[in-house]
C-alpha atoms as a PDB file:
ATOM      1  CA  MET A   1       0.311  -0.269  -0.199  1.00  0.00           C
ATOM      2  CA  GLU A   2       1.664   3.011  -1.120  1.00  0.00           C
ATOM      3  CA  ASP A   3       1.366   6.133   1.132  1.00  0.00           C
ATOM      4  CA  ASN A   4       2.819   9.391  -0.299  1.00  0.00           C
ATOM      5  CA  GLN A   5       0.639  11.834   2.118  1.00  0.00           C
ATOM      6  CA  THR A   6       2.998  13.129   5.153  1.00  0.00           C
ATOM      7  CA  GLU A   7       0.372  15.149   6.584  1.00  0.00           C
ATOM      8  CA  PRO A   8      -2.678  13.778   8.237  1.00  0.00           C
ATOM      9  CA  LEU A   9      -5.622  13.841   6.288  1.00  0.00           C
ATOM     10  CA  PRO A  10      -8.649  15.402   7.714  1.00  0.00           C
ATOM     11  CA  PRO A  11     -11.052  13.068   9.249  1.00  0.00           C
ATOM     12  CA  ASP A  12     -13.247  13.205   6.430  1.00  0.00           C
ATOM     13  CA  GLN A  13     -10.835  12.397   4.261  1.00  0.00           C
ATOM     14  CA  ALA A  14      -8.849   9.963   6.291  1.00  0.00           C
ATOM     15  CA  TRP A  15     -12.391   8.270   6.546  1.00  0.00           C
ATOM     16  CA  GLU A  16     -13.075   7.914   2.638  1.00  0.00           C
ATOM     17  CA  ALA A  17      -9.380   6.986   2.016  1.00  0.00           C
ATOM     18  CA  LEU A  18      -9.829   4.378   4.300  1.00  0.00           C
ATOM     19  CA  LEU A  19     -13.355   3.312   2.687  1.00  0.00           C
ATOM     20  CA  SER A  20     -11.618   3.346  -0.192  1.00  0.00           C
ATOM     21  CA  THR A  21      -9.270   0.305   0.354  1.00  0.00           C
ATOM     22  CA  PRO A  22     -10.674  -3.053   0.011  1.00  0.00           C
ATOM     23  CA  GLU A  23      -9.224  -4.512   3.139  1.00  0.00           C
ATOM     24  CA  SER A  24     -11.633  -2.010   5.048  1.00  0.00           C
ATOM     25  CA  GLU A  25     -14.608  -3.248   2.909  1.00  0.00           C
ATOM     26  CA  ILE A  26     -13.854  -6.571   3.737  1.00  0.00           C
ATOM     27  CA  PHE A  27     -13.479  -5.312   7.865  1.00  0.00           C
ATOM     28  CA  LEU A  28     -16.870  -3.024   7.570  1.00  0.00           C
ATOM     29  CA  ASN A  29     -18.594  -5.991   6.094  1.00  0.00           C
ATOM     30  CA  TYR A  30     -17.580  -8.403   8.455  1.00  0.00           C
ATOM     31  CA  GLU A  31     -18.547  -6.114  11.303  1.00  0.00           C
ATOM     32  CA  ILE A  32     -21.783  -5.523   9.746  1.00  0.00           C
ATOM     33  CA  GLU A  33     -22.637  -9.287   9.758  1.00  0.00           C
ATOM     34  CA  LYS A  34     -21.310  -9.276  13.089  1.00  0.00           C
ATOM     35  CA  ALA A  35     -23.867  -6.683  14.134  1.00  0.00           C
ATOM     36  CA  LYS A  36     -26.835  -8.452  12.218  1.00  0.00           C
ATOM     37  CA  GLN A  37     -25.945 -11.839  13.902  1.00  0.00           C
ATOM     38  CA  PHE A  38     -26.105  -9.943  16.931  1.00  0.00           C
ATOM     39  CA  ILE A  39     -29.324  -8.215  16.460  1.00  0.00           C
ATOM     40  CA  ASP A  40     -30.827 -11.351  15.624  1.00  0.00           C
ATOM     41  CA  ASN A  41     -29.549 -13.430  18.556  1.00  0.00           C
ATOM     42  CA  PRO A  42     -28.646 -11.193  21.238  1.00  0.00           C
ATOM     43  CA  SER A  43     -28.197 -13.825  23.732  1.00  0.00           C
ATOM     44  CA  LYS A  44     -25.333 -15.225  21.750  1.00  0.00           C
ATOM     45  CA  GLN A  45     -22.147 -13.420  21.466  1.00  0.00           C
END
């Protein structure tokens, strides 16, 4: 992963950059699925 930015991005841009990477998409999808399962079965964690 190439990163030629030396200064931190503003939060909204940093979030967009994060969302544009495939790894974070996979992670977010995983988190969403976990949340759905938790909503469906709150007793099972």
